[in-house]
Amino acid sequence: MSVHGELEPGGHGAGAAGGEDDPKGVTSRYLLVDLAEQLTQDELQNYFSTFGEIAEITMRTAASGVISGSVKFNNPTMELRKLMLQEKHTVSGHNVSVQTWKMQKLAKPGYRAKLDAERAERAMAKGGCGKGDASKGAWGGWGDWGMMGKGGWGGDWGFSGW
């Protein structure tokens, strides 16, 4: 019973991705990428149901012919996350690659650089110094020491008084 829906161009299809990562790190939906054409939803259901109660299994065929899908669990846990992401999955003799929506997004070329640039821009807009805030003594700034020439380790850039 292999029912393959069609993806919208550039999309994931209904219910296939949608960032369903819990803020605590528990994920309910896992993406199944580059599925073998011979695999069926029933085979995926039988295999992944051994990990937990399944809410939904989907399979989609992109316009390029690449088949992907997802499996959503009713009661996700950190243990399930580890099993899904760290185990090698073989269904009916075919390797199945499992990812989270976030992993897939971060793997796209240029996406990580875009995120880093946005974070740096937000930090600069807040008056911070990148990863730290100098006014609060966090890593990345001088904190309570002040700038070297303003009463830090000496009256000038030298280390007078040692």
Protein backbone atom coordinates (compact mmCIF):
# COMPACT_ATOMS: atom_id res chain seq x y z
CA MET A 1 0.00 0.00 0.00
CA SER A 2 2.48 2.63 -1.13
CA VAL A 3 0.62 5.88 -1.43
CA HIS A 4 2.95 8.66 -2.48
CA GLY A 5 1.60 12.21 -2.40
CA GLU A 6 3.14 14.99 -4.45
CA LEU A 7 5.14 17.80 -2.89
CA GLU A 8 4.51 21.41 -3.62
CA PRO A 9 7.57 22.93 -5.37
CA GLY A 10 10.06 23.82 -2.63
CA GLY A 11 7.74 22.52 0.09
CA HIS A 12 7.47 19.50 2.33
CA GLY A 13 3.83 18.65 1.73
CA ALA A 14 1.06 18.64 4.29
CA GLY A 15 2.28 17.62 7.71
CA ALA A 16 5.65 16.33 6.58
CA ALA A 17 7.89 18.74 8.43
CA GLY A 18 6.54 21.67 10.41
CA GLY A 19 9.13 22.33 13.14
CA GLU A 20 7.77 20.05 15.80
CA ASP A 21 10.81 20.28 18.05
CA ASP A 22 9.87 20.78 21.68
CA PRO A 23 11.82 23.55 23.48
CA LYS A 24 13.14 20.86 25.85
CA GLY A 25 14.77 19.02 22.95
CA VAL A 26 12.12 16.31 22.56
CA THR A 27 10.98 15.85 18.98
CA SER A 28 7.69 14.23 18.00
CA ARG A 29 8.18 14.20 14.20
CA TYR A 30 11.21 12.75 12.43
CA LEU A 31 11.94 13.17 8.75
CA LEU A 32 12.76 10.12 6.67
CA VAL A 33 14.92 11.26 3.76
CA ASP A 34 15.74 9.62 0.43
CA LEU A 35 13.47 6.61 0.92
CA ALA A 36 13.76 3.66 -1.43
CA GLU A 37 10.97 3.53 -4.01
CA GLN A 38 10.12 -0.04 -2.93
CA LEU A 39 9.32 0.91 0.69
CA THR A 40 5.68 1.16 1.71
CA GLN A 41 3.94 3.05 4.50
CA ASP A 42 3.01 -0.29 6.08
CA GLU A 43 6.68 -1.35 6.22
CA LEU A 44 7.65 1.96 7.81
CA GLN A 45 4.73 1.68 10.26
CA ASN A 46 5.74 -1.85 11.29
CA TYR A 47 9.39 -0.89 11.79
CA PHE A 48 8.97 2.44 13.62
CA SER A 49 6.08 1.21 15.82
CA THR A 50 8.69 -0.81 17.72
CA PHE A 51 10.07 2.54 19.01
CA GLY A 52 6.76 3.89 20.30
CA GLU A 53 3.13 4.65 19.56
CA ILE A 54 2.85 6.30 16.16
CA ALA A 55 0.44 9.14 15.48
CA GLU A 56 1.17 9.46 11.76
CA ILE A 57 3.39 8.17 8.94
CA THR A 58 3.66 10.09 5.68
CA MET A 59 5.41 9.51 2.37
CA ARG A 60 5.79 12.11 -0.37
CA THR A 61 7.36 12.09 -3.82
CA ALA A 62 8.99 15.34 -4.92
CA ALA A 63 8.82 16.51 -8.51
CA SER A 64 12.45 15.35 -8.79
CA GLY A 65 11.35 11.81 -7.93
CA VAL A 66 12.99 11.78 -4.48
CA ILE A 67 10.78 10.07 -1.92
CA SER A 68 10.78 11.33 1.65
CA GLY A 69 8.45 10.99 4.56
CA SER A 70 8.00 11.47 8.25
CA VAL A 71 7.00 9.58 11.34
CA LYS A 72 5.27 11.32 14.24
CA PHE A 73 5.14 9.74 17.68
CA ASN A 74 2.39 10.29 20.26
CA ASN A 75 4.64 10.28 23.33
CA PRO A 76 8.14 11.46 22.39
CA THR A 77 10.98 11.18 24.91
CA MET A 78 14.70 11.95 24.95
CA GLU A 79 15.33 8.19 24.84
CA LEU A 80 13.25 7.96 21.65
CA ARG A 81 15.17 10.90 20.18
CA LYS A 82 18.48 9.13 20.84
CA LEU A 83 17.22 5.91 19.28
CA MET A 84 15.87 7.67 16.22
CA LEU A 85 18.93 9.84 15.58
CA GLN A 86 21.80 7.60 16.69
CA GLU A 87 20.66 4.17 15.51
CA LYS A 88 21.13 2.91 11.96
CA HIS A 89 17.68 2.11 10.53
CA THR A 90 17.17 -0.65 7.96
CA VAL A 91 13.62 -1.30 6.78
CA SER A 92 13.02 -4.29 4.49
CA GLY A 93 16.69 -4.28 3.52
CA HIS A 94 16.79 -0.53 2.74
CA ASN A 95 18.72 2.03 4.79
CA VAL A 96 16.52 4.83 6.10
CA SER A 97 18.11 8.15 7.05
CA VAL A 98 16.37 9.93 9.94
CA GLN A 99 16.64 13.65 10.68
CA THR A 100 14.79 16.34 12.56
CA TRP A 101 13.33 19.28 10.71
CA LYS A 102 15.97 21.50 12.29
CA MET A 103 18.82 19.21 11.20
CA GLN A 104 17.56 19.29 7.63
CA LYS A 105 17.23 23.05 7.64
CA LEU A 106 20.72 23.58 9.09
CA ALA A 107 22.18 21.26 6.44
CA LYS A 108 21.01 23.53 3.61
CA PRO A 109 23.89 25.44 2.00
CA GLY A 110 24.22 28.95 3.38
CA TYR A 111 21.56 28.56 6.07
CA ARG A 112 24.06 28.37 8.98
CA ALA A 113 25.87 31.49 7.72
CA LYS A 114 22.54 33.31 7.44
CA LEU A 115 21.67 32.40 11.05
CA ASP A 116 25.07 33.51 12.33
CA ALA A 117 24.75 36.84 10.50
CA GLU A 118 21.27 37.41 11.95
CA ARG A 119 22.50 36.62 15.47
CA ALA A 120 25.44 38.99 15.11
CA GLU A 121 23.14 41.71 13.82
CA ARG A 122 20.74 41.27 16.77
CA ALA A 123 23.66 41.34 19.23
CA MET A 124 25.01 44.55 17.72
CA ALA A 125 21.53 46.13 17.76
CA LYS A 126 21.36 45.40 21.50
CA GLY A 127 24.76 47.00 21.99
CA GLY A 128 26.46 43.71 22.83
CA CYS A 129 29.85 42.40 21.81
CA GLY A 130 28.88 39.31 19.92
CA LYS A 131 28.72 36.36 22.33
CA GLY A 132 29.15 38.40 25.48
CA ASP A 133 28.05 41.71 26.87
CA ALA A 134 30.94 43.80 28.18
CA SER A 135 28.70 45.84 30.46
CA LYS A 136 27.66 42.73 32.39
CA GLY A 137 31.02 41.02 32.64
CA ALA A 138 30.03 38.13 30.38
CA TRP A 139 32.55 36.30 28.23
CA GLY A 140 33.61 38.43 25.28
CA GLY A 141 34.01 41.77 27.06
CA TRP A 142 36.09 43.44 29.76
CA GLY A 143 33.30 43.35 32.34
CA ASP A 144 34.09 44.98 35.67
CA TRP A 145 37.75 45.49 34.76
CA GLY A 146 36.97 48.37 32.47
CA MET A 147 39.00 49.04 29.35
CA MET A 148 42.74 48.79 29.77
CA GLY A 149 43.33 52.52 29.40
CA LYS A 150 40.45 53.40 31.74
CA GLY A 151 41.65 51.97 35.03
CA GLY A 152 42.02 48.32 34.11
CA TRP A 153 45.57 47.00 34.53
CA GLY A 154 47.27 50.35 34.65
CA GLY A 155 46.85 53.97 33.71
CA ASP A 156 47.92 53.28 30.16
CA TRP A 157 48.26 50.13 28.08
CA GLY A 158 51.21 49.11 30.25
CA PHE A 159 51.20 47.10 33.44
CA SER A 160 52.45 49.68 35.91
CA GLY A 161 52.57 48.75 39.52
CA TRP A 162 53.89 45.21 39.18
